[in-house]
Amino acid sequence: MKQPGKSIIVGIILLGMILVTNCNQPTLARLSNDNILGADAKAELLQASKRIDSVKFAPLGVNSSGAEASSALLNGVLIPILAEINPDKYYKRDGVEACVKNIYILGLALPNYASVELSCNIEEVTTFDFLK
């Protein structure tokens, strides 16, 4: 004879396991200091590009404001696309920090978006990466 209480408990346990393993859990990813929200990662990359542009265009003097503005606009559009950053997802902080360093290192020789394309590898946090 089948016991209805056991089948309900088994069903609830299976449903719980399915939800835990299939859901991307941003609230849990947020708990780790090793992760960063995509919007914050994008802001850090754009801040680094802005700083390197101010150093790059400073010798131009007064005429640098137009060049700096156009570069900031171009970086603002291309950097998030090339880094493949979604503002609503979480990314590994070490990849973002390495990308910021590469912008500073390569920024004087290359356009900022080119240094992002050539040297940045920012990984998205997947389910249960927060446990590592």
N, C-alpha and C. Protein backbone atom coordinates (compact mmCIF):
# COMPACT_ATOMS: atom_id res chain seq x y z
N MET A 1 0.82 -1.17 0.00
CA MET A 1 0.00 0.00 0.00
C MET A 1 0.88 1.26 0.00
N LYS A 2 0.52 2.22 -0.79
CA LYS A 2 1.30 3.45 -0.93
C LYS A 2 0.91 4.44 0.16
N GLN A 3 1.90 5.09 0.73
CA GLN A 3 1.63 6.06 1.78
C GLN A 3 1.69 7.47 1.17
N PRO A 4 0.57 8.22 1.21
CA PRO A 4 0.53 9.54 0.57
C PRO A 4 1.47 10.55 1.24
N GLY A 5 1.72 10.42 2.51
CA GLY A 5 2.61 11.35 3.21
C GLY A 5 4.04 11.28 2.70
N LYS A 6 4.52 10.06 2.41
CA LYS A 6 5.89 9.90 1.91
C LYS A 6 6.04 10.50 0.52
N SER A 7 5.06 10.33 -0.35
CA SER A 7 5.17 10.85 -1.71
C SER A 7 5.15 12.38 -1.72
N ILE A 8 4.42 12.98 -0.81
CA ILE A 8 4.41 14.45 -0.72
C ILE A 8 5.77 14.95 -0.25
N ILE A 9 6.34 14.30 0.74
CA ILE A 9 7.66 14.71 1.25
C ILE A 9 8.72 14.54 0.17
N VAL A 10 8.68 13.42 -0.55
CA VAL A 10 9.64 13.18 -1.63
C VAL A 10 9.47 14.24 -2.72
N GLY A 11 8.23 14.59 -3.04
CA GLY A 11 7.96 15.62 -4.05
C GLY A 11 8.51 16.97 -3.63
N ILE A 12 8.33 17.33 -2.38
CA ILE A 12 8.84 18.61 -1.88
C ILE A 12 10.36 18.63 -1.92
N ILE A 13 10.98 17.53 -1.53
CA ILE A 13 12.45 17.45 -1.55
C ILE A 13 12.96 17.57 -2.98
N LEU A 14 12.34 16.88 -3.93
CA LEU A 14 12.76 16.97 -5.33
C LEU A 14 12.58 18.38 -5.88
N LEU A 15 11.45 19.01 -5.57
CA LEU A 15 11.23 20.37 -6.03
C LEU A 15 12.29 21.32 -5.46
N GLY A 16 12.61 21.15 -4.18
CA GLY A 16 13.66 21.98 -3.57
C GLY A 16 15.01 21.78 -4.22
N MET A 17 15.35 20.53 -4.54
CA MET A 17 16.64 20.26 -5.19
C MET A 17 16.68 20.87 -6.58
N ILE A 18 15.58 20.81 -7.32
CA ILE A 18 15.53 21.38 -8.66
C ILE A 18 15.71 22.90 -8.60
N LEU A 19 15.03 23.54 -7.66
CA LEU A 19 15.16 24.99 -7.54
C LEU A 19 16.57 25.40 -7.15
N VAL A 20 17.19 24.68 -6.26
CA VAL A 20 18.53 25.03 -5.79
C VAL A 20 19.57 24.84 -6.89
N THR A 21 19.45 23.79 -7.67
CA THR A 21 20.47 23.52 -8.68
C THR A 21 20.26 24.27 -9.98
N ASN A 22 19.04 24.69 -10.29
CA ASN A 22 18.78 25.33 -11.58
C ASN A 22 18.67 26.84 -11.52
N CYS A 23 18.55 27.40 -10.37
CA CYS A 23 18.36 28.85 -10.27
C CYS A 23 19.70 29.55 -10.12
N ASN A 24 19.87 30.62 -10.88
CA ASN A 24 21.03 31.47 -10.66
C ASN A 24 20.70 32.29 -9.43
N GLN A 25 21.54 32.26 -8.42
CA GLN A 25 21.22 32.86 -7.15
C GLN A 25 22.07 34.09 -6.89
N PRO A 26 21.65 35.25 -7.43
CA PRO A 26 22.46 36.44 -7.27
C PRO A 26 22.60 36.89 -5.82
N THR A 27 21.60 36.62 -4.99
CA THR A 27 21.73 37.03 -3.60
C THR A 27 22.83 36.25 -2.91
N LEU A 28 22.99 34.99 -3.27
CA LEU A 28 24.07 34.20 -2.70
C LEU A 28 25.41 34.62 -3.30
N ALA A 29 25.43 34.96 -4.59
CA ALA A 29 26.68 35.41 -5.22
C ALA A 29 27.13 36.72 -4.60
N ARG A 30 26.19 37.54 -4.17
CA ARG A 30 26.52 38.82 -3.57
C ARG A 30 27.21 38.64 -2.21
N LEU A 31 27.03 37.50 -1.58
CA LEU A 31 27.61 37.26 -0.27
C LEU A 31 29.12 37.11 -0.31
N SER A 32 29.68 36.77 -1.44
CA SER A 32 31.11 36.54 -1.54
C SER A 32 31.83 37.84 -1.88
N ASN A 33 32.96 38.08 -1.23
CA ASN A 33 33.77 39.25 -1.54
C ASN A 33 34.54 39.08 -2.84
N ASP A 34 34.54 37.86 -3.39
CA ASP A 34 35.25 37.60 -4.63
C ASP A 34 34.41 37.93 -5.86
N ASN A 35 33.17 38.37 -5.66
CA ASN A 35 32.27 38.66 -6.77
C ASN A 35 31.92 40.14 -6.80
N ILE A 36 31.60 40.61 -8.00
CA ILE A 36 31.24 42.01 -8.17
C ILE A 36 30.07 42.09 -9.15
N LEU A 37 29.13 42.96 -8.86
CA LEU A 37 27.99 43.17 -9.73
C LEU A 37 28.45 43.78 -11.05
N GLY A 38 27.84 43.39 -12.14
CA GLY A 38 28.24 43.87 -13.47
C GLY A 38 28.22 45.39 -13.59
N ALA A 39 27.24 46.04 -12.98
CA ALA A 39 27.18 47.51 -13.03
C ALA A 39 28.39 48.13 -12.34
N ASP A 40 28.81 47.53 -11.23
CA ASP A 40 29.99 48.04 -10.52
C ASP A 40 31.28 47.74 -11.30
N ALA A 41 31.33 46.57 -11.94
CA ALA A 41 32.49 46.22 -12.76
C ALA A 41 32.63 47.19 -13.93
N LYS A 42 31.51 47.49 -14.57
CA LYS A 42 31.50 48.43 -15.68
C LYS A 42 31.98 49.81 -15.21
N ALA A 43 31.51 50.24 -14.04
CA ALA A 43 31.92 51.54 -13.50
C ALA A 43 33.42 51.58 -13.23
N GLU A 44 33.98 50.50 -12.70
CA GLU A 44 35.42 50.46 -12.43
C GLU A 44 36.23 50.54 -13.72
N LEU A 45 35.80 49.81 -14.75
CA LEU A 45 36.51 49.84 -16.03
C LEU A 45 36.44 51.23 -16.66
N LEU A 46 35.27 51.85 -16.61
CA LEU A 46 35.12 53.18 -17.19
C LEU A 46 35.89 54.23 -16.40
N GLN A 47 35.96 54.07 -15.08
CA GLN A 47 36.75 54.99 -14.27
C GLN A 47 38.23 54.89 -14.61
N ALA A 48 38.72 53.67 -14.79
CA ALA A 48 40.13 53.48 -15.17
C ALA A 48 40.40 54.09 -16.53
N SER A 49 39.47 53.90 -17.47
CA SER A 49 39.69 54.48 -18.81
C SER A 49 39.65 56.00 -18.76
N LYS A 50 38.80 56.56 -17.91
CA LYS A 50 38.73 58.02 -17.76
C LYS A 50 40.04 58.56 -17.19
N ARG A 51 40.59 57.85 -16.19
CA ARG A 51 41.85 58.31 -15.59
C ARG A 51 43.01 58.24 -16.57
N ILE A 52 43.08 57.16 -17.33
CA ILE A 52 44.19 57.04 -18.27
C ILE A 52 44.04 58.05 -19.41
N ASP A 53 42.80 58.35 -19.80
CA ASP A 53 42.58 59.37 -20.83
C ASP A 53 42.99 60.75 -20.35
N SER A 54 42.74 61.05 -19.08
CA SER A 54 43.15 62.37 -18.57
C SER A 54 44.67 62.50 -18.56
N VAL A 55 45.37 61.41 -18.31
CA VAL A 55 46.84 61.43 -18.38
C VAL A 55 47.30 61.53 -19.84
N LYS A 56 46.63 60.80 -20.70
CA LYS A 56 47.01 60.75 -22.10
C LYS A 56 46.80 62.09 -22.79
N PHE A 57 45.69 62.77 -22.46
CA PHE A 57 45.36 64.01 -23.16
C PHE A 57 45.81 65.27 -22.44
N ALA A 58 46.38 65.15 -21.25
CA ALA A 58 46.84 66.32 -20.50
C ALA A 58 47.86 67.17 -21.25
N PRO A 59 48.82 66.56 -21.96
CA PRO A 59 49.80 67.39 -22.68
C PRO A 59 49.18 68.24 -23.79
N LEU A 60 47.97 67.92 -24.23
CA LEU A 60 47.32 68.69 -25.29
C LEU A 60 46.75 70.01 -24.78
N GLY A 61 46.62 70.12 -23.47
CA GLY A 61 46.13 71.37 -22.86
C GLY A 61 44.65 71.59 -23.09
N VAL A 62 44.30 72.81 -23.50
CA VAL A 62 42.91 73.22 -23.67
C VAL A 62 42.19 72.38 -24.72
N ASN A 63 42.89 72.01 -25.77
CA ASN A 63 42.28 71.25 -26.85
C ASN A 63 41.96 69.80 -26.47
N SER A 64 42.39 69.40 -25.29
CA SER A 64 42.19 68.00 -24.91
C SER A 64 40.77 67.69 -24.48
N SER A 65 39.97 68.69 -24.13
CA SER A 65 38.62 68.42 -23.61
C SER A 65 37.74 67.74 -24.66
N GLY A 66 37.83 68.16 -25.90
CA GLY A 66 37.05 67.53 -26.97
C GLY A 66 37.51 66.11 -27.23
N ALA A 67 38.83 65.90 -27.27
CA ALA A 67 39.37 64.56 -27.49
C ALA A 67 39.02 63.64 -26.33
N GLU A 68 39.10 64.18 -25.12
CA GLU A 68 38.79 63.38 -23.93
C GLU A 68 37.30 63.01 -23.90
N ALA A 69 36.45 63.95 -24.29
CA ALA A 69 35.00 63.68 -24.31
C ALA A 69 34.64 62.63 -25.35
N SER A 70 35.24 62.73 -26.53
CA SER A 70 34.93 61.74 -27.58
C SER A 70 35.49 60.37 -27.21
N SER A 71 36.66 60.35 -26.58
CA SER A 71 37.23 59.09 -26.13
C SER A 71 36.37 58.47 -25.04
N ALA A 72 35.87 59.28 -24.11
CA ALA A 72 35.01 58.78 -23.03
C ALA A 72 33.72 58.21 -23.60
N LEU A 73 33.16 58.87 -24.62
CA LEU A 73 31.94 58.37 -25.25
C LEU A 73 32.20 57.04 -25.94
N LEU A 74 33.29 56.96 -26.67
CA LEU A 74 33.65 55.72 -27.36
C LEU A 74 33.93 54.60 -26.37
N ASN A 75 34.68 54.89 -25.30
CA ASN A 75 34.95 53.89 -24.27
C ASN A 75 33.67 53.47 -23.56
N GLY A 76 32.80 54.43 -23.28
CA GLY A 76 31.55 54.13 -22.59
C GLY A 76 30.66 53.16 -23.36
N VAL A 77 30.75 53.20 -24.67
CA VAL A 77 29.96 52.29 -25.50
C VAL A 77 30.68 50.97 -25.71
N LEU A 78 31.95 51.02 -26.05
CA LEU A 78 32.68 49.81 -26.45
C LEU A 78 33.19 48.94 -25.30
N ILE A 79 33.64 49.54 -24.22
CA ILE A 79 34.23 48.74 -23.14
C ILE A 79 33.25 47.72 -22.56
N PRO A 80 32.01 48.11 -22.21
CA PRO A 80 31.09 47.08 -21.69
C PRO A 80 30.75 46.00 -22.70
N ILE A 81 30.71 46.36 -23.98
CA ILE A 81 30.41 45.37 -25.02
C ILE A 81 31.58 44.41 -25.18
N LEU A 82 32.78 44.93 -25.29
CA LEU A 82 33.96 44.09 -25.49
C LEU A 82 34.29 43.24 -24.26
N ALA A 83 34.02 43.78 -23.07
CA ALA A 83 34.26 43.01 -21.85
C ALA A 83 33.12 42.03 -21.59
N GLU A 84 32.05 42.13 -22.36
CA GLU A 84 30.87 41.27 -22.24
C GLU A 84 30.30 41.31 -20.83
N ILE A 85 30.04 42.52 -20.36
CA ILE A 85 29.51 42.73 -19.02
C ILE A 85 28.02 43.02 -19.08
N ASN A 86 27.26 42.24 -18.33
CA ASN A 86 25.83 42.47 -18.16
C ASN A 86 25.67 43.13 -16.79
N PRO A 87 25.07 44.31 -16.70
CA PRO A 87 24.99 45.02 -15.42
C PRO A 87 24.25 44.26 -14.32
N ASP A 88 23.40 43.30 -14.68
CA ASP A 88 22.59 42.59 -13.69
C ASP A 88 23.21 41.28 -13.21
N LYS A 89 24.32 40.88 -13.79
CA LYS A 89 24.95 39.61 -13.39
C LYS A 89 26.16 39.88 -12.53
N TYR A 90 26.70 38.83 -11.95
CA TYR A 90 27.88 38.94 -11.09
C TYR A 90 29.10 38.37 -11.79
N TYR A 91 30.25 38.97 -11.52
CA TYR A 91 31.51 38.58 -12.16
C TYR A 91 32.57 38.39 -11.09
N LYS A 92 33.59 37.64 -11.45
CA LYS A 92 34.69 37.40 -10.51
C LYS A 92 35.55 38.66 -10.41
N ARG A 93 35.75 39.10 -9.19
CA ARG A 93 36.44 40.36 -8.93
C ARG A 93 37.88 40.35 -9.45
N ASP A 94 38.59 39.22 -9.34
CA ASP A 94 39.98 39.21 -9.78
C ASP A 94 40.11 39.47 -11.28
N GLY A 95 39.15 39.02 -12.08
CA GLY A 95 39.17 39.30 -13.51
C GLY A 95 38.94 40.77 -13.81
N VAL A 96 38.07 41.40 -13.04
CA VAL A 96 37.81 42.83 -13.21
C VAL A 96 39.03 43.64 -12.81
N GLU A 97 39.64 43.27 -11.69
CA GLU A 97 40.84 43.99 -11.23
C GLU A 97 42.00 43.83 -12.20
N ALA A 98 42.15 42.65 -12.78
CA ALA A 98 43.21 42.44 -13.78
C ALA A 98 42.94 43.29 -15.02
N CYS A 99 41.69 43.41 -15.39
CA CYS A 99 41.34 44.22 -16.56
C CYS A 99 41.63 45.70 -16.30
N VAL A 100 41.32 46.17 -15.10
CA VAL A 100 41.62 47.56 -14.74
C VAL A 100 43.13 47.81 -14.81
N LYS A 101 43.92 46.88 -14.30
CA LYS A 101 45.39 47.01 -14.37
C LYS A 101 45.86 47.05 -15.82
N ASN A 102 45.25 46.22 -16.67
CA ASN A 102 45.64 46.21 -18.08
C ASN A 102 45.29 47.52 -18.77
N ILE A 103 44.19 48.13 -18.38
CA ILE A 103 43.85 49.44 -18.94
C ILE A 103 44.93 50.45 -18.57
N TYR A 104 45.40 50.41 -17.32
CA TYR A 104 46.45 51.34 -16.90
C TYR A 104 47.78 51.04 -17.61
N ILE A 105 48.10 49.77 -17.76
CA ILE A 105 49.38 49.39 -18.37
C ILE A 105 49.39 49.66 -19.87
N LEU A 106 48.33 49.26 -20.56
CA LEU A 106 48.30 49.38 -22.02
C LEU A 106 47.64 50.67 -22.51
N GLY A 107 47.03 51.42 -21.60
CA GLY A 107 46.23 52.58 -21.98
C GLY A 107 46.98 53.69 -22.69
N LEU A 108 48.24 53.87 -22.38
CA LEU A 108 49.00 54.94 -23.02
C LEU A 108 49.40 54.56 -24.45
N ALA A 109 49.54 53.26 -24.69
CA ALA A 109 49.97 52.81 -26.02
C ALA A 109 48.77 52.48 -26.92
N LEU A 110 47.69 52.01 -26.34
CA LEU A 110 46.53 51.58 -27.11
C LEU A 110 45.28 52.33 -26.66
N PRO A 111 44.28 52.41 -27.51
CA PRO A 111 42.99 52.92 -27.02
C PRO A 111 42.47 51.98 -25.92
N ASN A 112 41.75 52.53 -24.97
CA ASN A 112 41.29 51.74 -23.82
C ASN A 112 40.44 50.54 -24.22
N TYR A 113 39.57 50.74 -25.19
CA TYR A 113 38.72 49.63 -25.62
C TYR A 113 39.55 48.52 -26.27
N ALA A 114 40.65 48.88 -26.91
CA ALA A 114 41.52 47.86 -27.51
C ALA A 114 42.25 47.06 -26.44
N SER A 115 42.67 47.73 -25.37
CA SER A 115 43.34 46.99 -24.29
C SER A 115 42.36 46.05 -23.60
N VAL A 116 41.09 46.43 -23.51
CA VAL A 116 40.07 45.55 -22.93
C VAL A 116 39.87 44.35 -23.84
N GLU A 117 39.78 44.58 -25.13
CA GLU A 117 39.55 43.49 -26.09
C GLU A 117 40.74 42.52 -26.11
N LEU A 118 41.95 43.04 -26.04
CA LEU A 118 43.13 42.19 -26.17
C LEU A 118 43.53 41.47 -24.88
N SER A 119 43.23 42.05 -23.73
CA SER A 119 43.83 41.49 -22.52
C SER A 119 42.87 41.16 -21.38
N CYS A 120 41.59 41.41 -21.53
CA CYS A 120 40.68 41.18 -20.41
C CYS A 120 39.91 39.87 -20.56
N ASN A 121 39.83 39.16 -19.46
CA ASN A 121 39.07 37.91 -19.39
C ASN A 121 38.25 37.96 -18.11
N ILE A 122 37.06 38.53 -18.19
CA ILE A 122 36.20 38.68 -17.03
C ILE A 122 35.18 37.55 -17.06
N GLU A 123 35.21 36.72 -16.01
CA GLU A 123 34.34 35.55 -15.96
C GLU A 123 33.09 35.83 -15.14
N GLU A 124 31.96 35.37 -15.67
CA GLU A 124 30.69 35.50 -14.96
C GLU A 124 30.64 34.46 -13.84
N VAL A 125 30.05 34.84 -12.73
CA VAL A 125 29.86 33.92 -11.61
C VAL A 125 28.68 33.01 -11.95
N THR A 126 28.93 31.72 -11.87
CA THR A 126 27.86 30.76 -12.13
C THR A 126 27.33 30.24 -10.81
N THR A 127 26.29 29.46 -10.87
CA THR A 127 25.68 28.92 -9.66
C THR A 127 26.73 28.16 -8.84
N PHE A 128 26.77 28.45 -7.58
CA PHE A 128 27.64 27.83 -6.59
C PHE A 128 29.11 28.24 -6.70
N ASP A 129 29.45 29.22 -7.55
CA ASP A 129 30.81 29.75 -7.54
C ASP A 129 31.08 30.50 -6.24
N PHE A 130 30.02 30.97 -5.58
CA PHE A 130 30.19 31.71 -4.35
C PHE A 130 30.72 30.85 -3.22
N LEU A 131 30.64 29.55 -3.37
CA LEU A 131 31.10 28.64 -2.31
C LEU A 131 32.62 28.44 -2.34
N LYS A 132 33.24 28.78 -3.43
CA LYS A 132 34.68 28.54 -3.57
C LYS A 132 35.49 29.51 -2.77
